[in-house]
Amino acid sequence: MTRYLSLIATLGVVLALVAAGLAQSAPSQPKVAYVVSGAAAEQPATIARVRTLAARDGAQLRVTHTTADQLGVTHLLAASGYDQVKTVGVDRRIAIAPVAARFPETRFVELAQ
């Protein structure tokens, strides 16, 4: 009886290790977010276009109106592990460069207005 329990326990461990390995090797979708700010945040057509892109990508959309909000949102997204942050109208010097320096694994992509 003890021998069977030992065999079952060993088999359980092996199956758990295989399942963990499969879960780690499965490709995951990159985390993507969109940030619209500055003059672009005041243009309904631009916001609608970016909202459509975000919905298509299953991504989060943030609309900010101040440079402080731009910095806060880009920092929060990078710190939360987003792989890519696509921006429209975000001030590169204030809200992208310092965050990109601190979180080099987050890619910032500037989109045209």
C-alpha atoms as a PDB file:
ATOM      1  CA  MET A   1       0.000   0.000   0.000  1.00  0.00           C
ATOM      2  CA  THR A   2       2.817   2.419   0.892  1.00  0.00           C
ATOM      3  CA  ARG A   3       4.491   1.631  -2.399  1.00  0.00           C
ATOM      4  CA  TYR A   4       1.356   2.645  -4.340  1.00  0.00           C
ATOM      5  CA  LEU A   5       1.005   5.878  -2.383  1.00  0.00           C
ATOM      6  CA  SER A   6       4.652   6.698  -3.102  1.00  0.00           C
ATOM      7  CA  LEU A   7       4.129   5.984  -6.812  1.00  0.00           C
ATOM      8  CA  ILE A   8       0.993   8.152  -6.917  1.00  0.00           C
ATOM      9  CA  ALA A   9       2.780  10.999  -5.103  1.00  0.00           C
ATOM     10  CA  THR A  10       5.734  10.808  -7.510  1.00  0.00           C
ATOM     11  CA  LEU A  11       3.404  10.781 -10.497  1.00  0.00           C
ATOM     12  CA  GLY A  12       1.585  13.821  -9.092  1.00  0.00           C
ATOM     13  CA  VAL A  13       4.847  15.737  -8.722  1.00  0.00           C
ATOM     14  CA  VAL A  14       5.912  14.866 -12.273  1.00  0.00           C
ATOM     15  CA  LEU A  15       2.548  15.977 -13.689  1.00  0.00           C
ATOM     16  CA  ALA A  16       2.716  19.233 -11.725  1.00  0.00           C
ATOM     17  CA  LEU A  17       6.204  19.960 -13.073  1.00  0.00           C
ATOM     18  CA  VAL A  18       5.118  19.225 -16.646  1.00  0.00           C
ATOM     19  CA  ALA A  19       2.062  21.485 -16.281  1.00  0.00           C
ATOM     20  CA  ALA A  20       4.215  24.294 -14.868  1.00  0.00           C
ATOM     21  CA  GLY A  21       6.662  23.943 -17.752  1.00  0.00           C
ATOM     22  CA  LEU A  22       3.858  24.097 -20.305  1.00  0.00           C
ATOM     23  CA  ALA A  23       2.359  27.167 -18.674  1.00  0.00           C
ATOM     24  CA  GLN A  24       5.710  28.984 -18.790  1.00  0.00           C
ATOM     25  CA  SER A  25       6.439  28.051 -22.398  1.00  0.00           C
ATOM     26  CA  ALA A  26       3.026  29.151 -23.705  1.00  0.00           C
ATOM     27  CA  PRO A  27       3.367  32.495 -25.494  1.00  0.00           C
ATOM     28  CA  SER A  28       1.505  35.260 -23.728  1.00  0.00           C
ATOM     29  CA  GLN A  29      -0.046  38.344 -25.260  1.00  0.00           C
ATOM     30  CA  PRO A  30       1.938  41.508 -24.627  1.00  0.00           C
ATOM     31  CA  LYS A  31       0.306  44.001 -22.287  1.00  0.00           C
ATOM     32  CA  VAL A  32      -0.476  47.107 -24.326  1.00  0.00           C
ATOM     33  CA  ALA A  33      -1.969  50.447 -23.319  1.00  0.00           C
ATOM     34  CA  TYR A  34      -2.773  53.686 -25.124  1.00  0.00           C
ATOM     35  CA  VAL A  35      -2.347  57.181 -23.691  1.00  0.00           C
ATOM     36  CA  VAL A  36      -3.824  60.282 -25.343  1.00  0.00           C
ATOM     37  CA  SER A  37      -2.851  63.689 -24.009  1.00  0.00           C
ATOM     38  CA  GLY A  38      -2.157  67.309 -24.815  1.00  0.00           C
ATOM     39  CA  ALA A  39      -4.028  68.824 -27.757  1.00  0.00           C
ATOM     40  CA  ALA A  40      -5.002  65.316 -28.910  1.00  0.00           C
ATOM     41  CA  ALA A  41      -7.010  64.831 -25.713  1.00  0.00           C
ATOM     42  CA  GLU A  42      -9.239  67.716 -26.804  1.00  0.00           C
ATOM     43  CA  GLN A  43      -9.996  66.217 -30.233  1.00  0.00           C
ATOM     44  CA  PRO A  44     -12.989  63.849 -30.186  1.00  0.00           C
ATOM     45  CA  ALA A  45     -12.025  62.328 -33.539  1.00  0.00           C
ATOM     46  CA  THR A  46      -8.546  61.449 -32.278  1.00  0.00           C
ATOM     47  CA  ILE A  47      -9.910  59.934 -29.080  1.00  0.00           C
ATOM     48  CA  ALA A  48     -12.455  57.908 -31.097  1.00  0.00           C
ATOM     49  CA  ARG A  49      -9.710  56.621 -33.428  1.00  0.00           C
ATOM     50  CA  VAL A  50      -7.467  55.591 -30.527  1.00  0.00           C
ATOM     51  CA  ARG A  51     -10.421  54.065 -28.663  1.00  0.00           C
ATOM     52  CA  THR A  52     -11.022  51.851 -31.729  1.00  0.00           C
ATOM     53  CA  LEU A  53      -7.348  50.811 -31.808  1.00  0.00           C
ATOM     54  CA  ALA A  54      -7.379  50.037 -28.084  1.00  0.00           C
ATOM     55  CA  ALA A  55     -10.548  47.954 -28.410  1.00  0.00           C
ATOM     56  CA  ARG A  56      -9.030  46.054 -31.326  1.00  0.00           C
ATOM     57  CA  ASP A  57      -5.930  45.257 -29.261  1.00  0.00           C
ATOM     58  CA  GLY A  58      -7.854  44.562 -26.057  1.00  0.00           C
ATOM     59  CA  ALA A  59      -5.810  47.358 -24.533  1.00  0.00           C
ATOM     60  CA  GLN A  60      -6.421  49.953 -21.867  1.00  0.00           C
ATOM     61  CA  LEU A  61      -6.982  53.599 -22.909  1.00  0.00           C
ATOM     62  CA  ARG A  62      -6.047  56.567 -20.736  1.00  0.00           C
ATOM     63  CA  VAL A  63      -6.832  60.184 -21.644  1.00  0.00           C
ATOM     64  CA  THR A  64      -4.928  62.821 -19.683  1.00  0.00           C
ATOM     65  CA  HIS A  65      -5.058  66.603 -19.762  1.00  0.00           C
ATOM     66  CA  THR A  66      -2.006  67.762 -17.796  1.00  0.00           C
ATOM     67  CA  THR A  67       1.684  66.966 -17.998  1.00  0.00           C
ATOM     68  CA  ALA A  68       1.596  65.744 -14.413  1.00  0.00           C
ATOM     69  CA  ASP A  69      -1.135  63.269 -15.369  1.00  0.00           C
ATOM     70  CA  GLN A  70       0.887  62.190 -18.411  1.00  0.00           C
ATOM     71  CA  LEU A  71       3.868  61.373 -16.218  1.00  0.00           C
ATOM     72  CA  GLY A  72       1.718  59.646 -13.617  1.00  0.00           C
ATOM     73  CA  VAL A  73      -0.081  57.459 -16.150  1.00  0.00           C
ATOM     74  CA  THR A  74       3.026  56.441 -18.120  1.00  0.00           C
ATOM     75  CA  HIS A  75       4.860  55.650 -14.892  1.00  0.00           C
ATOM     76  CA  LEU A  76       1.942  53.619 -13.528  1.00  0.00           C
ATOM     77  CA  LEU A  77       1.626  51.602 -16.741  1.00  0.00           C
ATOM     78  CA  ALA A  78       5.355  50.866 -16.928  1.00  0.00           C
ATOM     79  CA  ALA A  79       5.511  49.961 -13.230  1.00  0.00           C
ATOM     80  CA  SER A  80       2.509  47.659 -13.737  1.00  0.00           C
ATOM     81  CA  GLY A  81       4.471  45.628 -16.271  1.00  0.00           C
ATOM     82  CA  TYR A  82       3.051  46.864 -19.556  1.00  0.00           C
ATOM     83  CA  ASP A  83       5.186  45.733 -22.485  1.00  0.00           C
ATOM     84  CA  GLN A  84       4.152  48.565 -24.776  1.00  0.00           C
ATOM     85  CA  VAL A  85       2.607  51.986 -24.248  1.00  0.00           C
ATOM     86  CA  LYS A  86       1.343  53.681 -27.405  1.00  0.00           C
ATOM     87  CA  THR A  87       1.016  57.435 -27.051  1.00  0.00           C
ATOM     88  CA  VAL A  88      -0.637  60.319 -28.887  1.00  0.00           C
ATOM     89  CA  GLY A  89       0.265  63.865 -27.883  1.00  0.00           C
ATOM     90  CA  VAL A  90       2.291  62.841 -24.822  1.00  0.00           C
ATOM     91  CA  ASP A  91       5.293  65.056 -24.035  1.00  0.00           C
ATOM     92  CA  ARG A  92       8.362  62.892 -24.626  1.00  0.00           C
ATOM     93  CA  ARG A  93      10.698  64.969 -22.433  1.00  0.00           C
ATOM     94  CA  ILE A  94       8.375  65.060 -19.431  1.00  0.00           C
ATOM     95  CA  ALA A  95       6.403  61.827 -19.505  1.00  0.00           C
ATOM     96  CA  ILE A  96       8.230  59.303 -21.685  1.00  0.00           C
ATOM     97  CA  ALA A  97      12.016  59.760 -21.411  1.00  0.00           C
ATOM     98  CA  PRO A  98      12.257  59.550 -17.606  1.00  0.00           C
ATOM     99  CA  VAL A  99       9.909  56.568 -17.440  1.00  0.00           C
ATOM    100  CA  ALA A 100      11.667  54.759 -20.301  1.00  0.00           C
ATOM    101  CA  ALA A 101      14.984  55.260 -18.500  1.00  0.00           C
ATOM    102  CA  ARG A 102      13.614  53.721 -15.314  1.00  0.00           C
ATOM    103  CA  PHE A 103      11.656  50.908 -17.034  1.00  0.00           C
ATOM    104  CA  PRO A 104      13.701  49.916 -20.111  1.00  0.00           C
ATOM    105  CA  GLU A 105      11.572  46.794 -20.643  1.00  0.00           C
ATOM    106  CA  THR A 106       8.562  48.970 -21.510  1.00  0.00           C
ATOM    107  CA  ARG A 107       8.508  50.127 -25.117  1.00  0.00           C
ATOM    108  CA  PHE A 108       6.974  53.519 -25.861  1.00  0.00           C
ATOM    109  CA  VAL A 109       5.541  54.085 -29.334  1.00  0.00           C
ATOM    110  CA  GLU A 110       4.430  57.534 -30.442  1.00  0.00           C
ATOM    111  CA  LEU A 111       1.472  57.506 -32.836  1.00  0.00           C
ATOM    112  CA  ALA A 112       0.528  60.321 -35.211  1.00  0.00           C
ATOM    113  CA  GLN A 113      -2.337  62.578 -34.264  1.00  0.00           C
END
